[in-house]
């Protein structure tokens, strides 16, 4: 058995969980925060048989594509004048960070 841990963008969580469910996979969903902009993430735990790992990874890749967005950034200058206007910066969001781990025991009770 394998445990797939996928950290994905919040906006992709619903469509990925729906796609996994339609393929017959169950996932445990946790809210998480991290990354450069401290944006909301979702962490999914998915237990699968070893031969199903590639299929699950294909579903994640299909549903969690990266895309470019504009975000307002405050200047990172400690001596910046209060009231300084943030400026738009193009950032990449989405995608997934995935860990595949061997598990000794997998139980559904």
PDB file of N, CA and C in Angstrom:
ATOM      1  N   UNK A   1       0.850  -1.191   0.000  1.00  0.00           N
ATOM      2  CA  UNK A   1       0.000   0.000   0.000  1.00  0.00           C
ATOM      3  C   UNK A   1       0.886   1.242   0.000  1.00  0.00           C
ATOM      4  N   UNK A   2       0.315   2.302  -0.536  1.00  0.00           N
ATOM      5  CA  UNK A   2       1.006   3.592  -0.607  1.00  0.00           C
ATOM      6  C   UNK A   2       0.098   4.673  -0.039  1.00  0.00           C
ATOM      7  N   UNK A   3       0.718   5.681   0.539  1.00  0.00           N
ATOM      8  CA  UNK A   3       0.006   6.872   0.985  1.00  0.00           C
ATOM      9  C   UNK A   3       0.469   8.020   0.104  1.00  0.00           C
ATOM     10  N   UNK A   4      -0.482   8.631  -0.588  1.00  0.00           N
ATOM     11  CA  UNK A   4      -0.190   9.807  -1.406  1.00  0.00           C
ATOM     12  C   UNK A   4      -0.629  11.023  -0.608  1.00  0.00           C
ATOM     13  N   UNK A   5       0.314  11.923  -0.361  1.00  0.00           N
ATOM     14  CA  UNK A   5       0.014  13.192   0.307  1.00  0.00           C
ATOM     15  C   UNK A   5       0.160  14.270  -0.759  1.00  0.00           C
ATOM     16  N   UNK A   6      -0.943  14.953  -1.056  1.00  0.00           N
ATOM     17  CA  UNK A   6      -0.937  15.983  -2.099  1.00  0.00           C
ATOM     18  C   UNK A   6      -1.318  17.322  -1.480  1.00  0.00           C
ATOM     19  N   UNK A   7      -0.424  18.295  -1.582  1.00  0.00           N
ATOM     20  CA  UNK A   7      -0.701  19.659  -1.120  1.00  0.00           C
ATOM     21  C   UNK A   7      -1.054  20.459  -2.362  1.00  0.00           C
ATOM     22  N   UNK A   8      -2.304  20.939  -2.388  1.00  0.00           N
ATOM     23  CA  UNK A   8      -2.816  21.594  -3.587  1.00  0.00           C
ATOM     24  C   UNK A   8      -3.409  22.957  -3.233  1.00  0.00           C
ATOM     25  N   UNK A   9      -3.647  23.764  -4.247  1.00  0.00           N
ATOM     26  CA  UNK A   9      -4.267  25.080  -4.079  1.00  0.00           C
ATOM     27  C   UNK A   9      -5.740  24.889  -3.706  1.00  0.00           C
ATOM     28  N   UNK A  10      -6.237  25.709  -2.783  1.00  0.00           N
ATOM     29  CA  UNK A  10      -7.630  25.597  -2.339  1.00  0.00           C
ATOM     30  C   UNK A  10      -8.629  25.569  -3.497  1.00  0.00           C
ATOM     31  N   UNK A  11      -8.373  26.371  -4.514  1.00  0.00           N
ATOM     32  CA  UNK A  11      -9.315  26.466  -5.635  1.00  0.00           C
ATOM     33  C   UNK A  11      -9.433  25.159  -6.414  1.00  0.00           C
ATOM     34  N   UNK A  12      -8.417  24.300  -6.341  1.00  0.00           N
ATOM     35  CA  UNK A  12      -8.442  23.029  -7.063  1.00  0.00           C
ATOM     36  C   UNK A  12      -9.014  21.887  -6.238  1.00  0.00           C
ATOM     37  N   UNK A  13      -9.214  22.096  -4.948  1.00  0.00           N
ATOM     38  CA  UNK A  13      -9.578  21.006  -4.040  1.00  0.00           C
ATOM     39  C   UNK A  13     -10.905  20.346  -4.406  1.00  0.00           C
ATOM     40  N   UNK A  14     -11.932  21.141  -4.651  1.00  0.00           N
ATOM     41  CA  UNK A  14     -13.258  20.579  -4.905  1.00  0.00           C
ATOM     42  C   UNK A  14     -13.265  19.708  -6.158  1.00  0.00           C
ATOM     43  N   UNK A  15     -12.700  20.227  -7.252  1.00  0.00           N
ATOM     44  CA  UNK A  15     -12.721  19.453  -8.495  1.00  0.00           C
ATOM     45  C   UNK A  15     -11.843  18.215  -8.402  1.00  0.00           C
ATOM     46  N   UNK A  16     -10.742  18.268  -7.637  1.00  0.00           N
ATOM     47  CA  UNK A  16      -9.902  17.085  -7.489  1.00  0.00           C
ATOM     48  C   UNK A  16     -10.592  16.020  -6.642  1.00  0.00           C
ATOM     49  N   UNK A  17     -11.200  16.416  -5.528  1.00  0.00           N
ATOM     50  CA  UNK A  17     -11.906  15.445  -4.691  1.00  0.00           C
ATOM     51  C   UNK A  17     -13.053  14.806  -5.474  1.00  0.00           C
ATOM     52  N   UNK A  18     -13.781  15.601  -6.255  1.00  0.00           N
ATOM     53  CA  UNK A  18     -14.854  15.047  -7.092  1.00  0.00           C
ATOM     54  C   UNK A  18     -14.311  14.031  -8.097  1.00  0.00           C
ATOM     55  N   UNK A  19     -13.190  14.364  -8.735  1.00  0.00           N
ATOM     56  CA  UNK A  19     -12.602  13.462  -9.728  1.00  0.00           C
ATOM     57  C   UNK A  19     -12.106  12.172  -9.074  1.00  0.00           C
ATOM     58  N   UNK A  20     -11.472  12.285  -7.919  1.00  0.00           N
ATOM     59  CA  UNK A  20     -10.999  11.091  -7.213  1.00  0.00           C
ATOM     60  C   UNK A  20     -12.169  10.203  -6.794  1.00  0.00           C
ATOM     61  N   UNK A  21     -13.224  10.827  -6.282  1.00  0.00           N
ATOM     62  CA  UNK A  21     -14.405  10.077  -5.854  1.00  0.00           C
ATOM     63  C   UNK A  21     -15.052   9.355  -7.036  1.00  0.00           C
ATOM     64  N   UNK A  22     -15.135  10.031  -8.171  1.00  0.00           N
ATOM     65  CA  UNK A  22     -15.741   9.400  -9.348  1.00  0.00           C
ATOM     66  C   UNK A  22     -14.904   8.227  -9.857  1.00  0.00           C
ATOM     67  N   UNK A  23     -13.605   8.227  -9.554  1.00  0.00           N
ATOM     68  CA  UNK A  23     -12.732   7.116  -9.937  1.00  0.00           C
ATOM     69  C   UNK A  23     -12.706   6.019  -8.870  1.00  0.00           C
ATOM     70  N   UNK A  24     -13.417   6.238  -7.749  1.00  0.00           N
ATOM     71  CA  UNK A  24     -13.497   5.230  -6.701  1.00  0.00           C
ATOM     72  C   UNK A  24     -12.469   5.350  -5.598  1.00  0.00           C
ATOM     73  N   UNK A  25     -11.781   6.491  -5.513  1.00  0.00           N
ATOM     74  CA  UNK A  25     -10.773   6.705  -4.474  1.00  0.00           C
ATOM     75  C   UNK A  25     -11.336   7.587  -3.366  1.00  0.00           C
ATOM     76  N   UNK A  26     -10.936   7.290  -2.151  1.00  0.00           N
ATOM     77  CA  UNK A  26     -11.335   8.119  -1.013  1.00  0.00           C
ATOM     78  C   UNK A  26     -10.134   8.944  -0.572  1.00  0.00           C
ATOM     79  N   UNK A  27     -10.403  10.138  -0.089  1.00  0.00           N
ATOM     80  CA  UNK A  27      -9.327  11.017   0.362  1.00  0.00           C
ATOM     81  C   UNK A  27      -9.744  11.694   1.653  1.00  0.00           C
ATOM     82  N   UNK A  28      -8.780  11.908   2.516  1.00  0.00           N
ATOM     83  CA  UNK A  28      -8.985  12.714   3.716  1.00  0.00           C
ATOM     84  C   UNK A  28      -8.459  14.106   3.408  1.00  0.00           C
ATOM     85  N   UNK A  29      -9.288  15.113   3.628  1.00  0.00           N
ATOM     86  CA  UNK A  29      -8.977  16.492   3.250  1.00  0.00           C
ATOM     87  C   UNK A  29      -8.701  17.325   4.492  1.00  0.00           C
ATOM     88  N   UNK A  30      -7.565  18.016   4.493  1.00  0.00           N
ATOM     89  CA  UNK A  30      -7.197  18.909   5.589  1.00  0.00           C
ATOM     90  C   UNK A  30      -6.908  20.299   5.040  1.00  0.00           C
ATOM     91  N   UNK A  31      -7.354  21.323   5.750  1.00  0.00           N
ATOM     92  CA  UNK A  31      -6.997  22.688   5.381  1.00  0.00           C
ATOM     93  C   UNK A  31      -5.587  22.949   5.869  1.00  0.00           C
ATOM     94  N   UNK A  32      -4.802  23.652   5.061  1.00  0.00           N
ATOM     95  CA  UNK A  32      -3.434  23.974   5.457  1.00  0.00           C
ATOM     96  C   UNK A  32      -3.073  25.333   4.877  1.00  0.00           C
ATOM     97  N   UNK A  33      -1.995  25.898   5.382  1.00  0.00           N
ATOM     98  CA  UNK A  33      -1.530  27.201   4.912  1.00  0.00           C
ATOM     99  C   UNK A  33      -0.034  27.126   4.703  1.00  0.00           C
ATOM    100  N   UNK A  34       0.444  27.831   3.703  1.00  0.00           N
ATOM    101  CA  UNK A  34       1.882  27.840   3.499  1.00  0.00           C
ATOM    102  C   UNK A  34       2.227  28.517   2.201  1.00  0.00           C
ATOM    103  N   UNK A  35       3.462  28.382   1.832  1.00  0.00           N
ATOM    104  CA  UNK A  35       3.929  28.958   0.590  1.00  0.00           C
ATOM    105  C   UNK A  35       4.346  30.406   0.745  1.00  0.00           C
ATOM    106  N   UNK A  36       4.787  30.962  -0.338  1.00  0.00           N
ATOM    107  CA  UNK A  36       5.326  32.308  -0.383  1.00  0.00           C
ATOM    108  C   UNK A  36       4.331  33.360   0.092  1.00  0.00           C
ATOM    109  N   UNK A  37       3.085  33.249  -0.334  1.00  0.00           N
ATOM    110  CA  UNK A  37       2.092  34.271  -0.003  1.00  0.00           C
ATOM    111  C   UNK A  37       1.190  33.856   1.152  1.00  0.00           C
ATOM    112  N   UNK A  38       1.507  32.750   1.811  1.00  0.00           N
ATOM    113  CA  UNK A  38       0.704  32.253   2.936  1.00  0.00           C
ATOM    114  C   UNK A  38      -0.753  32.069   2.533  1.00  0.00           C
ATOM    115  N   UNK A  39      -0.957  31.592   1.329  1.00  0.00           N
ATOM    116  CA  UNK A  39      -2.313  31.375   0.837  1.00  0.00           C
ATOM    117  C   UNK A  39      -2.841  30.043   1.337  1.00  0.00           C
ATOM    118  N   UNK A  40      -4.146  29.874   1.228  1.00  0.00           N
ATOM    119  CA  UNK A  40      -4.772  28.643   1.679  1.00  0.00           C
ATOM    120  C   UNK A  40      -4.440  27.481   0.760  1.00  0.00           C
ATOM    121  N   UNK A  41      -4.127  26.366   1.381  1.00  0.00           N
ATOM    122  CA  UNK A  41      -3.882  25.122   0.657  1.00  0.00           C
ATOM    123  C   UNK A  41      -4.815  24.070   1.197  1.00  0.00           C
ATOM    124  N   UNK A  42      -4.915  22.988   0.482  1.00  0.00           N
ATOM    125  CA  UNK A  42      -5.616  21.801   0.954  1.00  0.00           C
ATOM    126  C   UNK A  42      -4.627  20.656   0.857  1.00  0.00           C
ATOM    127  N   UNK A  43      -4.558  19.857   1.912  1.00  0.00           N
ATOM    128  CA  UNK A  43      -3.706  18.672   1.906  1.00  0.00           C
ATOM    129  C   UNK A  43      -4.612  17.455   1.871  1.00  0.00           C
ATOM    130  N   UNK A  44      -4.380  16.586   0.886  1.00  0.00           N
ATOM    131  CA  UNK A  44      -5.167  15.364   0.751  1.00  0.00           C
ATOM    132  C   UNK A  44      -4.305  14.165   1.101  1.00  0.00           C
ATOM    133  N   UNK A  45      -4.870  13.239   1.876  1.00  0.00           N
ATOM    134  CA  UNK A  45      -4.247  11.962   2.170  1.00  0.00           C
ATOM    135  C   UNK A  45      -5.053  10.903   1.425  1.00  0.00           C
ATOM    136  N   UNK A  46      -4.381  10.151   0.551  1.00  0.00           N
ATOM    137  CA  UNK A  46      -5.060   9.160  -0.285  1.00  0.00           C
ATOM    138  C   UNK A  46      -4.319   7.836  -0.145  1.00  0.00           C
ATOM    139  N   UNK A  47      -4.988   6.834   0.395  1.00  0.00           N
ATOM    140  CA  UNK A  47      -4.397   5.509   0.517  1.00  0.00           C
ATOM    141  C   UNK A  47      -4.796   4.658  -0.666  1.00  0.00           C
ATOM    142  N   UNK A  48      -3.794   4.090  -1.372  1.00  0.00           N
ATOM    143  CA  UNK A  48      -4.080   3.281  -2.565  1.00  0.00           C
ATOM    144  C   UNK A  48      -3.150   2.082  -2.635  1.00  0.00           C
ATOM    145  N   UNK A  49      -3.551   1.108  -3.456  1.00  0.00           N
ATOM    146  CA  UNK A  49      -2.667  -0.010  -3.757  1.00  0.00           C
ATOM    147  C   UNK A  49      -1.527   0.505  -4.636  1.00  0.00           C
ATOM    148  N   UNK A  50      -0.397  -0.151  -4.537  1.00  0.00           N
ATOM    149  CA  UNK A  50       0.790   0.311  -5.267  1.00  0.00           C
ATOM    150  C   UNK A  50       0.543   0.457  -6.768  1.00  0.00           C
ATOM    151  N   UNK A  51      -0.206  -0.458  -7.360  1.00  0.00           N
ATOM    152  CA  UNK A  51      -0.450  -0.404  -8.805  1.00  0.00           C
ATOM    153  C   UNK A  51      -1.409   0.719  -9.210  1.00  0.00           C
ATOM    154  N   UNK A  52      -2.056   1.388  -8.247  1.00  0.00           N
ATOM    155  CA  UNK A  52      -2.989   2.476  -8.551  1.00  0.00           C
ATOM    156  C   UNK A  52      -2.359   3.863  -8.412  1.00  0.00           C
ATOM    157  N   UNK A  53      -1.122   3.925  -7.960  1.00  0.00           N
ATOM    158  CA  UNK A  53      -0.475   5.218  -7.700  1.00  0.00           C
ATOM    159  C   UNK A  53      -0.431   6.076  -8.961  1.00  0.00           C
ATOM    160  N   UNK A  54       0.006   5.515 -10.077  1.00  0.00           N
ATOM    161  CA  UNK A  54       0.136   6.313 -11.301  1.00  0.00           C
ATOM    162  C   UNK A  54      -1.206   6.867 -11.771  1.00  0.00           C
ATOM    163  N   UNK A  55      -2.267   6.101 -11.617  1.00  0.00           N
ATOM    164  CA  UNK A  55      -3.594   6.581 -12.026  1.00  0.00           C
ATOM    165  C   UNK A  55      -4.024   7.773 -11.168  1.00  0.00           C
ATOM    166  N   UNK A  56      -3.793   7.684  -9.859  1.00  0.00           N
ATOM    167  CA  UNK A  56      -4.136   8.806  -8.969  1.00  0.00           C
ATOM    168  C   UNK A  56      -3.285  10.025  -9.302  1.00  0.00           C
ATOM    169  N   UNK A  57      -2.000   9.824  -9.560  1.00  0.00           N
ATOM    170  CA  UNK A  57      -1.125  10.943  -9.918  1.00  0.00           C
ATOM    171  C   UNK A  57      -1.583  11.603 -11.221  1.00  0.00           C
ATOM    172  N   UNK A  58      -2.077  10.805 -12.168  1.00  0.00           N
ATOM    173  CA  UNK A  58      -2.608  11.371 -13.422  1.00  0.00           C
ATOM    174  C   UNK A  58      -3.830  12.249 -13.155  1.00  0.00           C
ATOM    175  N   UNK A  59      -4.714  11.809 -12.253  1.00  0.00           N
ATOM    176  CA  UNK A  59      -5.903  12.601 -11.906  1.00  0.00           C
ATOM    177  C   UNK A  59      -5.474  13.912 -11.255  1.00  0.00           C
ATOM    178  N   UNK A  60      -4.507  13.850 -10.340  1.00  0.00           N
ATOM    179  CA  UNK A  60      -4.017  15.071  -9.675  1.00  0.00           C
ATOM    180  C   UNK A  60      -3.420  16.015 -10.702  1.00  0.00           C
ATOM    181  N   UNK A  61      -2.603  15.491 -11.598  1.00  0.00           N
ATOM    182  CA  UNK A  61      -1.976  16.338 -12.614  1.00  0.00           C
ATOM    183  C   UNK A  61      -3.013  16.995 -13.525  1.00  0.00           C
ATOM    184  N   UNK A  62      -4.058  16.259 -13.867  1.00  0.00           N
ATOM    185  CA  UNK A  62      -5.105  16.793 -14.739  1.00  0.00           C
ATOM    186  C   UNK A  62      -5.888  17.923 -14.068  1.00  0.00           C
ATOM    187  N   UNK A  63      -6.163  17.784 -12.784  1.00  0.00           N
ATOM    188  CA  UNK A  63      -7.032  18.742 -12.086  1.00  0.00           C
ATOM    189  C   UNK A  63      -6.286  19.887 -11.412  1.00  0.00           C
ATOM    190  N   UNK A  64      -4.982  19.792 -11.265  1.00  0.00           N
ATOM    191  CA  UNK A  64      -4.215  20.796 -10.509  1.00  0.00           C
ATOM    192  C   UNK A  64      -3.148  21.448 -11.379  1.00  0.00           C
ATOM    193  N   UNK A  65      -3.565  22.119 -12.417  1.00  0.00           N
ATOM    194  CA  UNK A  65      -2.642  22.798 -13.318  1.00  0.00           C
ATOM    195  C   UNK A  65      -2.203  24.141 -12.723  1.00  0.00           C
ATOM    196  N   UNK A  66      -0.978  24.539 -13.014  1.00  0.00           N
ATOM    197  CA  UNK A  66      -0.519  25.855 -12.577  1.00  0.00           C
ATOM    198  C   UNK A  66      -1.073  26.920 -13.512  1.00  0.00           C
ATOM    199  N   UNK A  67      -1.210  28.125 -12.974  1.00  0.00           N
ATOM    200  CA  UNK A  67      -1.667  29.254 -13.781  1.00  0.00           C
ATOM    201  C   UNK A  67      -1.067  30.530 -13.217  1.00  0.00           C
ATOM    202  N   UNK A  68      -1.059  31.560 -14.029  1.00  0.00           N
ATOM    203  CA  UNK A  68      -0.512  32.865 -13.630  1.00  0.00           C
ATOM    204  C   UNK A  68      -1.644  33.757 -13.132  1.00  0.00           C
ATOM    205  N   UNK A  69      -1.388  34.492 -12.040  1.00  0.00           N
ATOM    206  CA  UNK A  69      -2.340  35.456 -11.500  1.00  0.00           C
ATOM    207  C   UNK A  69      -1.593  36.709 -11.085  1.00  0.00           C
ATOM    208  N   UNK A  70      -2.327  37.806 -11.008  1.00  0.00           N
ATOM    209  CA  UNK A  70      -1.757  39.035 -10.461  1.00  0.00           C
ATOM    210  C   UNK A  70      -2.113  39.111  -8.980  1.00  0.00           C
ATOM    211  N   UNK A  71      -1.134  39.466  -8.180  1.00  0.00           N
ATOM    212  CA  UNK A  71      -1.340  39.602  -6.742  1.00  0.00           C
ATOM    213  C   UNK A  71      -0.766  40.943  -6.316  1.00  0.00           C
ATOM    214  N   UNK A  72      -1.421  41.586  -5.366  1.00  0.00           N
ATOM    215  CA  UNK A  72      -0.917  42.852  -4.857  1.00  0.00           C
ATOM    216  C   UNK A  72       0.123  42.585  -3.777  1.00  0.00           C
ATOM    217  N   UNK A  73       1.316  43.088  -3.985  1.00  0.00           N
ATOM    218  CA  UNK A  73       2.422  42.886  -3.044  1.00  0.00           C
ATOM    219  C   UNK A  73       2.767  44.210  -2.382  1.00  0.00           C
ATOM    220  N   UNK A  74       3.005  44.150  -1.084  1.00  0.00           N
ATOM    221  CA  UNK A  74       3.532  45.322  -0.397  1.00  0.00           C
ATOM    222  C   UNK A  74       5.048  45.327  -0.561  1.00  0.00           C
ATOM    223  N   UNK A  75       5.657  46.485  -0.641  1.00  0.00           N
ATOM    224  CA  UNK A  75       7.106  46.527  -0.791  1.00  0.00           C
ATOM    225  C   UNK A  75       7.778  45.887   0.436  1.00  0.00           C
ATOM    226  N   UNK A  76       8.782  45.041   0.241  1.00  0.00           N
ATOM    227  CA  UNK A  76       9.447  44.384   1.358  1.00  0.00           C
ATOM    228  C   UNK A  76      10.533  45.233   1.997  1.00  0.00           C
ATOM    229  N   UNK A  77      10.327  46.524   2.040  1.00  0.00           N
ATOM    230  CA  UNK A  77      11.334  47.433   2.582  1.00  0.00           C
ATOM    231  C   UNK A  77      10.931  47.785   4.018  1.00  0.00           C
ATOM    232  N   UNK A  78      11.792  47.481   5.009  1.00  0.00           N
ATOM    233  CA  UNK A  78      11.431  47.747   6.403  1.00  0.00           C
ATOM    234  C   UNK A  78      11.158  49.222   6.680  1.00  0.00           C
ATOM    235  N   UNK A  79      11.819  50.082   5.953  1.00  0.00           N
ATOM    236  CA  UNK A  79      11.640  51.515   6.202  1.00  0.00           C
ATOM    237  C   UNK A  79      10.609  52.136   5.265  1.00  0.00           C
ATOM    238  N   UNK A  80       9.762  51.311   4.672  1.00  0.00           N
ATOM    239  CA  UNK A  80       8.761  51.835   3.731  1.00  0.00           C
ATOM    240  C   UNK A  80       7.800  52.772   4.458  1.00  0.00           C
ATOM    241  N   UNK A  81       7.381  53.777   3.768  1.00  0.00           N
ATOM    242  CA  UNK A  81       6.466  54.763   4.322  1.00  0.00           C
ATOM    243  C   UNK A  81       5.089  54.129   4.476  1.00  0.00           C
ATOM    244  N   UNK A  82       4.459  54.355   5.651  1.00  0.00           N
ATOM    245  CA  UNK A  82       3.113  53.824   5.839  1.00  0.00           C
ATOM    246  C   UNK A  82       2.191  54.430   4.799  1.00  0.00           C
ATOM    247  N   UNK A  83       1.262  53.627   4.337  1.00  0.00           N
ATOM    248  CA  UNK A  83       0.347  54.070   3.299  1.00  0.00           C
ATOM    249  C   UNK A  83       0.908  53.864   1.913  1.00  0.00           C
ATOM    250  N   UNK A  84       2.068  53.270   1.834  1.00  0.00           N
ATOM    251  CA  UNK A  84       2.660  52.992   0.527  1.00  0.00           C
ATOM    252  C   UNK A  84       1.756  52.023  -0.223  1.00  0.00           C
ATOM    253  N   UNK A  85       1.517  52.283  -1.463  1.00  0.00           N
ATOM    254  CA  UNK A  85       0.594  51.486  -2.261  1.00  0.00           C
ATOM    255  C   UNK A  85       1.237  50.161  -2.671  1.00  0.00           C
ATOM    256  N   UNK A  86       0.481  49.070  -2.526  1.00  0.00           N
ATOM    257  CA  UNK A  86       0.982  47.796  -3.046  1.00  0.00           C
ATOM    258  C   UNK A  86       0.992  47.821  -4.569  1.00  0.00           C
ATOM    259  N   UNK A  87       1.812  46.991  -5.163  1.00  0.00           N
ATOM    260  CA  UNK A  87       1.883  46.951  -6.617  1.00  0.00           C
ATOM    261  C   UNK A  87       1.609  45.527  -7.101  1.00  0.00           C
ATOM    262  N   UNK A  88       1.024  45.392  -8.293  1.00  0.00           N
ATOM    263  CA  UNK A  88       0.691  44.049  -8.792  1.00  0.00           C
ATOM    264  C   UNK A  88       1.952  43.293  -9.244  1.00  0.00           C
ATOM    265  N   UNK A  89       1.977  42.025  -8.900  1.00  0.00           N
ATOM    266  CA  UNK A  89       3.066  41.143  -9.298  1.00  0.00           C
ATOM    267  C   UNK A  89       2.444  39.873  -9.862  1.00  0.00           C
ATOM    268  N   UNK A  90       2.970  39.394 -10.978  1.00  0.00           N
ATOM    269  CA  UNK A  90       2.466  38.145 -11.544  1.00  0.00           C
ATOM    270  C   UNK A  90       3.093  36.966 -10.788  1.00  0.00           C
ATOM    271  N   UNK A  91       2.231  36.064 -10.312  1.00  0.00           N
ATOM    272  CA  UNK A  91       2.698  34.893  -9.576  1.00  0.00           C
ATOM    273  C   UNK A  91       2.110  33.625 -10.202  1.00  0.00           C
ATOM    274  N   UNK A  92       2.748  32.508  -9.928  1.00  0.00           N
ATOM    275  CA  UNK A  92       2.238  31.212 -10.379  1.00  0.00           C
ATOM    276  C   UNK A  92       1.514  30.555  -9.223  1.00  0.00           C
ATOM    277  N   UNK A  93       0.275  30.128  -9.440  1.00  0.00           N
ATOM    278  CA  UNK A  93      -0.514  29.452  -8.409  1.00  0.00           C
ATOM    279  C   UNK A  93      -0.994  28.118  -8.956  1.00  0.00           C
ATOM    280  N   UNK A  94      -1.440  27.289  -8.057  1.00  0.00           N
ATOM    281  CA  UNK A  94      -1.951  25.989  -8.456  1.00  0.00           C
ATOM    282  C   UNK A  94      -0.864  24.943  -8.445  1.00  0.00           C
ATOM    283  N   UNK A  95      -1.091  23.881  -9.176  1.00  0.00           N
ATOM    284  CA  UNK A  95      -0.146  22.781  -9.183  1.00  0.00           C
ATOM    285  C   UNK A  95      -0.311  21.943  -7.922  1.00  0.00           C
ATOM    286  N   UNK A  96       0.638  21.093  -7.671  1.00  0.00           N
ATOM    287  CA  UNK A  96       0.560  20.218  -6.507  1.00  0.00           C
ATOM    288  C   UNK A  96       1.966  19.842  -6.064  1.00  0.00           C
ATOM    289  N   UNK A  97       2.119  19.678  -4.767  1.00  0.00           N
ATOM    290  CA  UNK A  97       3.318  19.084  -4.197  1.00  0.00           C
ATOM    291  C   UNK A  97       2.884  17.730  -3.666  1.00  0.00           C
ATOM    292  N   UNK A  98       3.532  16.672  -4.151  1.00  0.00           N
ATOM    293  CA  UNK A  98       3.050  15.318  -3.885  1.00  0.00           C
ATOM    294  C   UNK A  98       4.150  14.474  -3.259  1.00  0.00           C
ATOM    295  N   UNK A  99       3.766  13.734  -2.224  1.00  0.00           N
ATOM    296  CA  UNK A  99       4.647  12.765  -1.584  1.00  0.00           C
ATOM    297  C   UNK A  99       3.985  11.399  -1.700  1.00  0.00           C
ATOM    298  N   UNK A 100       4.740  10.389  -2.081  1.00  0.00           N
ATOM    299  CA  UNK A 100       4.235   9.016  -2.123  1.00  0.00           C
ATOM    300  C   UNK A 100       5.074   8.214  -1.140  1.00  0.00           C
ATOM    301  N   UNK A 101       4.385   7.648  -0.138  1.00  0.00           N
ATOM    302  CA  UNK A 101       5.066   7.001   0.976  1.00  0.00           C
ATOM    303  C   UNK A 101       4.589   5.561   1.104  1.00  0.00           C
ATOM    304  N   UNK A 102       5.529   4.649   1.360  1.00  0.00           N
ATOM    305  CA  UNK A 102       5.159   3.266   1.677  1.00  0.00           C
ATOM    306  C   UNK A 102       4.473   3.250   3.034  1.00  0.00           C
ATOM    307  N   UNK A 103       3.391   2.476   3.150  1.00  0.00           N
ATOM    308  CA  UNK A 103       2.745   2.328   4.450  1.00  0.00           C
ATOM    309  C   UNK A 103       2.696   0.854   4.814  1.00  0.00           C
ATOM    310  N   UNK A 104       2.890   0.611   6.083  1.00  0.00           N
ATOM    311  CA  UNK A 104       2.929  -0.756   6.568  1.00  0.00           C
ATOM    312  C   UNK A 104       1.541  -1.339   6.715  1.00  0.00           C
ATOM    313  N   UNK A 105       0.593  -0.519   7.152  1.00  0.00           N
ATOM    314  CA  UNK A 105      -0.748  -1.027   7.401  1.00  0.00           C
ATOM    315  C   UNK A 105      -1.754   0.038   6.991  1.00  0.00           C
ATOM    316  N   UNK A 106      -2.844  -0.395   6.366  1.00  0.00           N
ATOM    317  CA  UNK A 106      -3.909   0.510   5.934  1.00  0.00           C
ATOM    318  C   UNK A 106      -5.236  -0.126   6.350  1.00  0.00           C
ATOM    319  N   UNK A 107      -5.963   0.554   7.202  1.00  0.00           N
ATOM    320  CA  UNK A 107      -7.228   0.024   7.715  1.00  0.00           C
ATOM    321  C   UNK A 107      -8.354   1.015   7.459  1.00  0.00           C
ATOM    322  N   UNK A 108      -9.543   0.490   7.115  1.00  0.00           N
ATOM    323  CA  UNK A 108     -10.768   1.290   7.069  1.00  0.00           C
ATOM    324  C   UNK A 108     -11.690   0.642   8.079  1.00  0.00           C
ATOM    325  N   UNK A 109     -11.986   1.367   9.133  1.00  0.00           N
ATOM    326  CA  UNK A 109     -12.821   0.801  10.211  1.00  0.00           C
ATOM    327  C   UNK A 109     -14.154   1.513  10.246  1.00  0.00           C
TER     328      UNK A 109
END
